[in-house]
Amino acid sequence: MHSFISPENNMVIFFVVVGAAAFGIYSEHKKWFGKLSGILVTMISMSLLAMIGIVPVASNSAVHVDVYDMVFTYFIPISIPLLLFSSNLLKIIKESGKLLLAYILGAIGIVLGCFLAFSLIHLGPDSGKTAGVIAATLIGGSVNFIASAEALHFSTNPLFTATIAVDNFVSNLYTLFLFLTPSLLFLSRFFVKPKKENQIATNEGSDKKKYPMTMERIAVAVFIAALIAGSGNLIAPYLQSFFKTDLNLSILIITVLAVLAANIFPKLLKPLEDTAFSIGLWMMYVFLAVIGAATNIQQIFSIGPAVLGFYLTIMVFHFLFLLALAKLFKLDVYEVVISSAANIMGPSVAAPMAASMGQKKLVTPGILVGILGYVIGTFVGVSIALFLS
């Protein structure tokens, strides 16, 4: 099906993508949709535009869209350093303790859920490989989906595009559920009380020096982020050949370099923190608009409910597993939903989710545990596939 806006019409597609991001941000600021997050408004509006054929579907491998490629290539590598300007390593080790624990519990829940789904639902002759790829993407993200699919030669499987479509659709629905979770009062008994120290202090006192956004700060912040992203992309191929891995290590290296910069030059980056965070968050919204455009509901209905059932079984088990252990490990509702978002959707959703829920202290740990998913997701997924095949 051809979209109303041609895939080659770059400027118009870019206008729609940044428009969806602006609509999401503005709607959250104005509280148009109540508690519904701007991220979800952005993703849902883009997925609707893709579904009704206004813009090209991002998950359609037969259609090449330069704007989507540009967002995937540049926005995430540059936005991660921008969001990490305020990261202090000692603080991260201290503060991400609970989130790291919640993330690991969530990953265990996904692995167990994968075995449960495999025992209940048959996905055809290559069901072991399909299960491995699904586990990889739910522990890490779409990076792991592609990496594990290549490693397992799953990209030639007829279920490949259908699995991408289901993955985007179910992940978006699950993200919506995570945003609603803190307001579901009947679940509150499973969590400890939300921790005050994770919230943005509304009145940090007049002694805190204000650093307003200026042209100079925008220029320097974007330059430093681009320098870190460029350095990460330069170093990655050498490390990949050294470790003999096909996994794209650039995002991981960019994160390490950004954290190093924040710890070696804290005084230099302090005046840039607020400016960098705002730009980084906007770039994340634009990225999530493109993710929204990858939701193809028609394709999901055409390939039967088996893959959908497989995903839902894993996700329900994963959430119930976290819910059952939350009180035991003294986790609050925000730690559970942000770590779960880092599992299912990766750091690009966990970070803005933490920010929009007012859990500013969980933004950096959210990114870091999500990046940990990039590292372990493919390994875990391939191991499951080899075990089940």
Protein backbone atom coordinates (compact mmCIF):
# COMPACT_ATOMS: atom_id res chain seq x y z
CA MET A 1 0.00 0.00 0.00
CA HIS A 2 1.38 3.39 -1.01
CA SER A 3 1.28 6.16 1.58
CA PHE A 4 -0.31 9.54 0.84
CA ILE A 5 3.06 11.22 1.56
CA SER A 6 5.70 9.65 -0.68
CA PRO A 7 8.73 8.07 1.12
CA GLU A 8 10.98 10.34 -0.99
CA ASN A 9 9.23 13.50 0.23
CA ASN A 10 11.77 14.05 3.02
CA MET A 11 10.82 17.56 4.12
CA VAL A 12 7.11 16.76 4.51
CA ILE A 13 7.81 13.50 6.40
CA PHE A 14 10.24 15.36 8.69
CA PHE A 15 7.56 18.01 9.30
CA VAL A 16 5.06 15.28 10.32
CA VAL A 17 7.60 13.51 12.60
CA VAL A 18 8.66 16.68 14.47
CA GLY A 19 5.00 17.75 14.47
CA ALA A 20 4.00 14.54 16.27
CA ALA A 21 6.83 15.12 18.80
CA ALA A 22 5.70 18.73 19.36
CA PHE A 23 2.05 17.64 19.66
CA GLY A 24 3.01 15.10 22.34
CA ILE A 25 5.13 17.55 24.34
CA TYR A 26 2.54 20.35 24.07
CA SER A 27 -0.38 18.05 24.97
CA GLU A 28 1.40 16.88 28.14
CA HIS A 29 2.21 20.49 29.10
CA LYS A 30 -1.44 21.49 28.57
CA LYS A 31 -2.79 18.26 30.21
CA TRP A 32 -5.10 17.75 27.19
CA PHE A 33 -5.26 13.98 27.70
CA GLY A 34 -5.15 13.94 31.49
CA LYS A 35 -2.43 11.64 32.80
CA LEU A 36 -1.58 10.24 29.36
CA SER A 37 2.10 10.91 28.73
CA GLY A 38 3.27 13.07 25.83
CA ILE A 39 5.41 10.15 24.68
CA LEU A 40 2.33 7.99 24.21
CA VAL A 41 0.46 10.83 22.46
CA THR A 42 3.44 11.17 20.08
CA MET A 43 3.69 7.41 19.40
CA ILE A 44 -0.07 6.84 19.03
CA SER A 45 -0.55 9.82 16.71
CA MET A 46 2.30 8.63 14.44
CA SER A 47 1.06 5.01 14.43
CA LEU A 48 -2.44 6.22 13.45
CA LEU A 49 -0.97 8.29 10.59
CA ALA A 50 1.01 5.25 9.42
CA MET A 51 -2.01 2.94 9.75
CA ILE A 52 -4.36 5.10 7.68
CA GLY A 53 -1.66 5.52 5.04
CA ILE A 54 -0.74 9.19 5.50
CA VAL A 55 2.97 8.47 6.19
CA PRO A 56 5.06 5.41 5.20
CA VAL A 57 5.19 2.55 7.74
CA ALA A 58 8.67 2.42 9.36
CA SER A 59 8.67 -1.38 9.68
CA ASN A 60 8.02 -1.97 5.95
CA SER A 61 11.36 -3.32 4.66
CA ALA A 62 10.23 -2.79 1.02
CA VAL A 63 10.03 0.98 1.55
CA HIS A 64 13.12 3.09 2.21
CA VAL A 65 12.49 6.33 4.13
CA ASP A 66 15.56 8.60 4.46
CA VAL A 67 14.01 10.63 7.30
CA TYR A 68 13.46 7.52 9.46
CA ASP A 69 17.03 6.37 8.73
CA MET A 70 18.36 9.80 9.65
CA VAL A 71 16.52 9.77 12.99
CA PHE A 72 17.74 6.24 13.83
CA THR A 73 21.32 7.09 12.76
CA TYR A 74 21.80 10.48 14.43
CA PHE A 75 19.16 11.23 17.08
CA ILE A 76 19.82 8.39 19.56
CA PRO A 77 23.67 8.62 19.50
CA ILE A 78 23.50 12.40 20.05
CA SER A 79 20.60 12.43 22.56
CA ILE A 80 22.20 9.88 24.92
CA PRO A 81 25.23 12.12 25.78
CA LEU A 82 22.89 15.12 26.14
CA LEU A 83 20.78 13.24 28.70
CA LEU A 84 23.91 12.04 30.52
CA PHE A 85 25.57 15.45 31.15
CA SER A 86 24.41 15.34 34.76
CA SER A 87 25.55 11.76 35.44
CA ASN A 88 27.98 11.35 38.31
CA LEU A 89 29.37 7.82 38.44
CA LEU A 90 29.47 7.56 42.25
CA LYS A 91 25.87 8.77 42.37
CA ILE A 92 24.86 6.29 39.65
CA ILE A 93 26.35 3.34 41.53
CA LYS A 94 24.55 4.53 44.67
CA GLU A 95 21.29 5.51 42.97
CA SER A 96 20.84 2.84 40.31
CA GLY A 97 21.14 0.04 42.84
CA LYS A 98 17.41 -0.55 43.10
CA LEU A 99 16.76 0.06 39.40
CA LEU A 100 19.56 -2.33 38.42
CA LEU A 101 18.08 -4.95 40.76
CA ALA A 102 14.58 -4.38 39.32
CA TYR A 103 15.98 -4.61 35.78
CA ILE A 104 17.76 -7.94 36.47
CA LEU A 105 14.57 -9.35 38.07
CA GLY A 106 12.63 -8.19 34.99
CA ALA A 107 15.13 -9.89 32.64
CA ILE A 108 14.81 -13.15 34.62
CA GLY A 109 11.01 -12.81 34.32
CA ILE A 110 11.35 -12.47 30.51
CA VAL A 111 13.55 -15.59 30.23
CA LEU A 112 11.14 -17.65 32.40
CA GLY A 113 8.16 -16.20 30.51
CA CYS A 114 9.81 -17.17 27.21
CA PHE A 115 10.09 -20.82 28.29
CA LEU A 116 6.46 -20.73 29.47
CA ALA A 117 5.27 -19.24 26.15
CA PHE A 118 7.34 -21.80 24.21
CA SER A 119 5.65 -24.66 26.10
CA LEU A 120 2.17 -23.24 25.40
CA ILE A 121 2.38 -21.76 21.87
CA HIS A 122 3.87 -23.33 18.75
CA LEU A 123 5.40 -20.87 16.25
CA GLY A 124 6.17 -23.27 13.40
CA PRO A 125 9.33 -25.20 12.43
CA ASP A 126 11.75 -22.47 13.60
CA SER A 127 9.91 -21.70 16.83
CA GLY A 128 13.14 -21.93 18.91
CA LYS A 129 14.76 -19.21 16.82
CA THR A 130 11.62 -17.05 16.93
CA ALA A 131 11.50 -17.43 20.73
CA GLY A 132 15.19 -16.44 21.02
CA VAL A 133 14.74 -13.33 18.87
CA ILE A 134 11.65 -12.29 20.86
CA ALA A 135 13.53 -12.78 24.17
CA ALA A 136 16.49 -10.76 22.84
CA THR A 137 14.34 -7.80 21.84
CA LEU A 138 12.37 -7.86 25.14
CA ILE A 139 15.58 -7.87 27.23
CA GLY A 140 17.41 -5.25 25.16
CA GLY A 141 15.44 -3.63 22.38
CA SER A 142 15.24 -3.39 18.60
CA VAL A 143 19.06 -3.33 18.37
CA ASN A 144 19.03 -6.87 19.78
CA PHE A 145 16.16 -7.89 17.51
CA ILE A 146 18.24 -7.16 14.41
CA ALA A 147 21.51 -8.49 15.90
CA SER A 148 20.01 -11.79 17.10
CA ALA A 149 17.98 -12.21 13.87
CA GLU A 150 21.21 -11.87 11.85
CA ALA A 151 23.09 -14.24 14.18
CA LEU A 152 20.32 -16.86 13.91
CA HIS A 153 19.63 -16.30 10.16
CA PHE A 154 16.08 -15.42 11.17
CA SER A 155 15.92 -12.37 8.86
CA THR A 156 14.98 -14.67 5.93
CA ASN A 157 12.18 -16.30 7.97
CA PRO A 158 8.62 -15.46 6.78
CA LEU A 159 7.78 -14.54 10.39
CA PHE A 160 10.48 -11.81 10.44
CA THR A 161 8.43 -8.77 9.32
CA ALA A 162 5.35 -10.02 11.16
CA THR A 163 7.38 -10.32 14.37
CA ILE A 164 8.66 -6.74 13.94
CA ALA A 165 5.07 -5.53 13.49
CA VAL A 166 3.83 -7.46 16.56
CA ASP A 167 6.86 -6.28 18.56
CA ASN A 168 6.10 -2.61 17.88
CA PHE A 169 2.36 -2.97 18.44
CA VAL A 170 2.61 -4.93 21.71
CA SER A 171 5.48 -2.80 23.05
CA ASN A 172 3.45 0.37 22.46
CA LEU A 173 0.44 -1.13 24.25
CA TYR A 174 2.65 -2.29 27.12
CA THR A 175 4.24 1.18 27.40
CA LEU A 176 0.75 2.69 27.64
CA PHE A 177 -0.04 0.19 30.45
CA LEU A 178 3.21 1.13 32.28
CA PHE A 179 2.28 4.83 32.16
CA LEU A 180 -1.12 3.99 33.68
CA THR A 181 0.29 1.64 36.38
CA PRO A 182 1.12 4.35 39.01
CA SER A 183 -2.53 5.53 38.89
CA LEU A 184 -3.96 1.97 39.29
CA LEU A 185 -4.69 2.09 43.02
CA PHE A 186 -5.44 -1.65 43.40
CA LEU A 187 -1.77 -2.38 42.51
CA SER A 188 -0.35 -0.03 45.16
CA ARG A 189 -0.35 -2.74 47.87
CA PHE A 190 2.36 -4.62 45.92
CA PHE A 191 4.87 -1.75 46.12
CA VAL A 192 6.64 0.19 48.85
CA LYS A 193 5.82 3.91 49.05
CA PRO A 194 7.40 6.02 46.23
CA LYS A 195 10.81 7.31 47.28
CA LYS A 196 10.95 11.10 47.69
CA GLU A 197 14.66 11.27 46.79
CA ASN A 198 13.95 10.04 43.22
CA GLN A 199 11.63 12.96 42.47
CA ILE A 200 12.52 16.30 40.98
CA ALA A 201 12.79 18.73 43.87
CA THR A 202 10.22 21.42 43.11
CA ASN A 203 11.86 23.98 45.38
CA GLU A 204 15.56 23.29 45.51
CA GLY A 205 16.10 26.64 47.14
CA SER A 206 17.13 29.99 45.72
CA ASP A 207 20.82 29.22 46.38
CA LYS A 208 20.88 26.84 43.39
CA LYS A 209 22.42 28.74 40.50
CA LYS A 210 20.13 28.97 37.47
CA TYR A 211 21.59 28.40 34.02
CA PRO A 212 19.03 29.57 31.43
CA MET A 213 19.09 28.20 27.89
CA THR A 214 21.18 30.44 25.61
CA MET A 215 22.43 30.17 22.02
CA GLU A 216 25.96 29.60 23.34
CA ARG A 217 24.88 26.77 25.66
CA ILE A 218 22.84 25.08 22.90
CA ALA A 219 25.83 25.27 20.52
CA VAL A 220 28.37 23.95 23.05
CA ALA A 221 26.06 21.19 24.37
CA VAL A 222 25.27 19.86 20.88
CA PHE A 223 28.95 20.12 19.89
CA ILE A 224 30.09 18.09 22.94
CA ALA A 225 27.34 15.49 22.35
CA ALA A 226 28.28 15.20 18.65
CA LEU A 227 31.98 14.92 19.59
CA ILE A 228 31.18 12.06 22.01
CA ALA A 229 28.89 10.33 19.47
CA GLY A 230 31.51 10.70 16.71
CA SER A 231 34.27 9.34 18.96
CA GLY A 232 32.08 6.36 19.89
CA ASN A 233 31.46 5.58 16.22
CA LEU A 234 35.21 5.83 15.48
CA ILE A 235 36.20 3.46 18.31
CA ALA A 236 33.35 0.91 17.87
CA PRO A 237 34.63 -0.94 14.73
CA TYR A 238 38.05 -1.56 16.34
CA LEU A 239 36.49 -2.95 19.53
CA GLN A 240 34.01 -5.04 17.53
CA SER A 241 36.87 -6.67 15.56
CA PHE A 242 38.91 -7.10 18.78
CA PHE A 243 36.03 -8.92 20.52
CA LYS A 244 35.03 -10.62 17.22
CA THR A 245 31.41 -9.50 17.63
CA ASP A 246 28.82 -8.29 15.10
CA LEU A 247 26.99 -6.38 17.83
CA ASN A 248 27.01 -2.64 17.27
CA LEU A 249 28.99 -1.44 20.28
CA SER A 250 28.82 2.27 19.38
CA ILE A 251 25.84 3.10 21.68
CA LEU A 252 27.57 1.41 24.61
CA ILE A 253 30.88 3.24 23.95
CA ILE A 254 29.02 6.57 23.54
CA THR A 255 27.38 6.01 26.95
CA VAL A 256 30.73 5.17 28.59
CA LEU A 257 32.38 8.28 27.02
CA ALA A 258 29.45 10.50 28.09
CA VAL A 259 29.63 9.22 31.68
CA LEU A 260 33.44 9.70 31.68
CA ALA A 261 33.05 13.28 30.39
CA ALA A 262 30.43 14.03 33.07
CA ASN A 263 32.76 12.71 35.79
CA ILE A 264 36.04 14.21 34.53
CA PHE A 265 34.60 17.66 33.65
CA PRO A 266 31.64 18.14 36.04
CA LYS A 267 32.22 21.90 36.44
CA LEU A 268 32.38 22.44 32.66
CA LEU A 269 29.13 20.51 32.04
CA LYS A 270 27.16 21.85 35.04
CA PRO A 271 25.98 25.07 33.27
CA LEU A 272 24.95 22.96 30.24
CA GLU A 273 22.92 20.30 32.11
CA ASP A 274 19.41 21.80 31.80
CA THR A 275 19.92 22.93 28.19
CA ALA A 276 21.35 19.53 27.18
CA PHE A 277 18.55 17.64 28.96
CA SER A 278 15.84 19.62 27.14
CA ILE A 279 17.42 19.08 23.70
CA GLY A 280 18.11 15.40 24.43
CA LEU A 281 14.53 14.80 25.56
CA TRP A 282 13.15 16.50 22.42
CA MET A 283 15.37 14.26 20.25
CA MET A 284 14.04 11.21 22.12
CA TYR A 285 10.47 12.33 21.33
CA VAL A 286 11.32 12.59 17.62
CA PHE A 287 12.88 9.10 17.75
CA LEU A 288 9.74 7.73 19.46
CA ALA A 289 7.57 9.30 16.75
CA VAL A 290 9.44 7.15 14.20
CA ILE A 291 9.03 4.09 16.46
CA GLY A 292 5.28 4.88 16.47
CA ALA A 293 5.29 4.88 12.65
CA ALA A 294 6.56 1.27 12.75
CA THR A 295 3.30 -0.04 14.25
CA ASN A 296 1.50 -1.87 11.45
CA ILE A 297 -1.75 -3.30 12.81
CA GLN A 298 -2.92 -4.73 9.43
CA GLN A 299 0.18 -6.93 9.24
CA ILE A 300 -0.47 -8.20 12.76
CA PHE A 301 -3.97 -9.40 11.89
CA SER A 302 -2.76 -11.03 8.66
CA ILE A 303 -0.21 -13.35 10.37
CA GLY A 304 -2.49 -14.88 12.97
CA PRO A 305 -2.46 -14.50 16.74
CA ALA A 306 0.34 -16.99 17.58
CA VAL A 307 3.23 -14.46 17.71
CA LEU A 308 0.94 -11.97 19.47
CA GLY A 309 0.03 -14.62 22.07
CA PHE A 310 3.72 -15.45 22.54
CA TYR A 311 4.59 -11.80 23.25
CA LEU A 312 1.63 -11.29 25.57
CA THR A 313 2.45 -14.45 27.58
CA ILE A 314 6.03 -13.25 28.16
CA MET A 315 4.99 -9.68 29.03
CA VAL A 316 2.22 -10.70 31.45
CA PHE A 317 4.54 -13.19 33.19
CA HIS A 318 7.35 -10.58 33.32
CA PHE A 319 5.08 -7.97 34.95
CA LEU A 320 3.51 -10.41 37.43
CA PHE A 321 6.99 -11.70 38.33
CA LEU A 322 8.13 -8.12 39.11
CA LEU A 323 4.89 -7.43 40.98
CA ALA A 324 5.31 -10.55 43.15
CA LEU A 325 8.89 -9.62 44.12
CA ALA A 326 8.48 -5.82 44.48
CA LYS A 327 7.65 -5.79 48.21
CA LEU A 328 10.36 -8.36 49.01
CA PHE A 329 13.06 -6.23 47.35
CA LYS A 330 11.52 -2.91 48.56
CA LEU A 331 10.80 -1.57 45.06
CA ASP A 332 8.39 1.32 44.50
CA VAL A 333 5.99 1.56 41.55
CA TYR A 334 8.26 3.94 39.57
CA GLU A 335 11.31 1.68 39.92
CA VAL A 336 9.25 -1.27 38.65
CA VAL A 337 7.70 0.52 35.64
CA ILE A 338 10.93 2.32 34.58
CA SER A 339 13.02 -0.87 34.83
CA SER A 340 10.28 -2.76 32.96
CA ALA A 341 10.31 -0.08 30.23
CA ALA A 342 14.11 -0.44 30.01
CA ASN A 343 13.56 -4.21 29.53
CA ILE A 344 10.78 -4.10 26.96
CA MET A 345 11.50 -0.85 25.09
CA GLY A 346 15.12 0.00 25.96
CA PRO A 347 16.74 3.21 27.25
CA SER A 348 15.06 5.45 24.66
CA VAL A 349 11.71 4.94 26.43
CA ALA A 350 12.93 4.39 30.01
CA ALA A 351 14.71 7.78 30.13
CA PRO A 352 11.85 10.06 28.98
CA MET A 353 9.41 7.94 31.02
CA ALA A 354 11.45 8.60 34.18
CA ALA A 355 11.62 12.32 33.31
CA SER A 356 7.91 12.67 32.54
CA MET A 357 6.97 10.83 35.78
CA GLY A 358 9.05 13.33 37.77
CA GLN A 359 11.68 10.70 38.70
CA LYS A 360 14.66 12.74 37.53
CA LYS A 361 17.13 10.73 39.63
CA LEU A 362 16.08 7.58 37.72
CA VAL A 363 16.75 9.00 34.22
CA THR A 364 20.46 8.12 34.13
CA PRO A 365 20.04 4.68 35.79
CA GLY A 366 17.17 4.06 33.34
CA ILE A 367 19.48 4.72 30.40
CA LEU A 368 22.30 2.66 31.90
CA VAL A 369 20.19 -0.43 32.68
CA GLY A 370 18.68 -0.11 29.19
CA ILE A 371 22.19 -0.07 27.71
CA LEU A 372 23.00 -3.14 29.81
CA GLY A 373 20.10 -4.75 27.94
CA TYR A 374 21.80 -3.94 24.62
CA VAL A 375 24.86 -5.84 25.87
CA ILE A 376 23.16 -8.95 27.29
CA GLY A 377 20.00 -9.14 25.14
CA THR A 378 21.54 -10.69 22.03
CA PHE A 379 23.63 -13.14 24.08
CA VAL A 380 20.59 -14.28 26.11
CA GLY A 381 18.35 -14.48 23.02
CA VAL A 382 20.83 -16.53 20.97
CA SER A 383 21.45 -18.83 23.97
CA ILE A 384 17.68 -19.44 24.37
CA ALA A 385 17.34 -20.11 20.61
CA LEU A 386 20.21 -22.62 20.67
CA PHE A 387 18.76 -24.30 23.78
CA LEU A 388 15.24 -24.59 22.35
CA SER A 389 16.19 -25.52 18.76
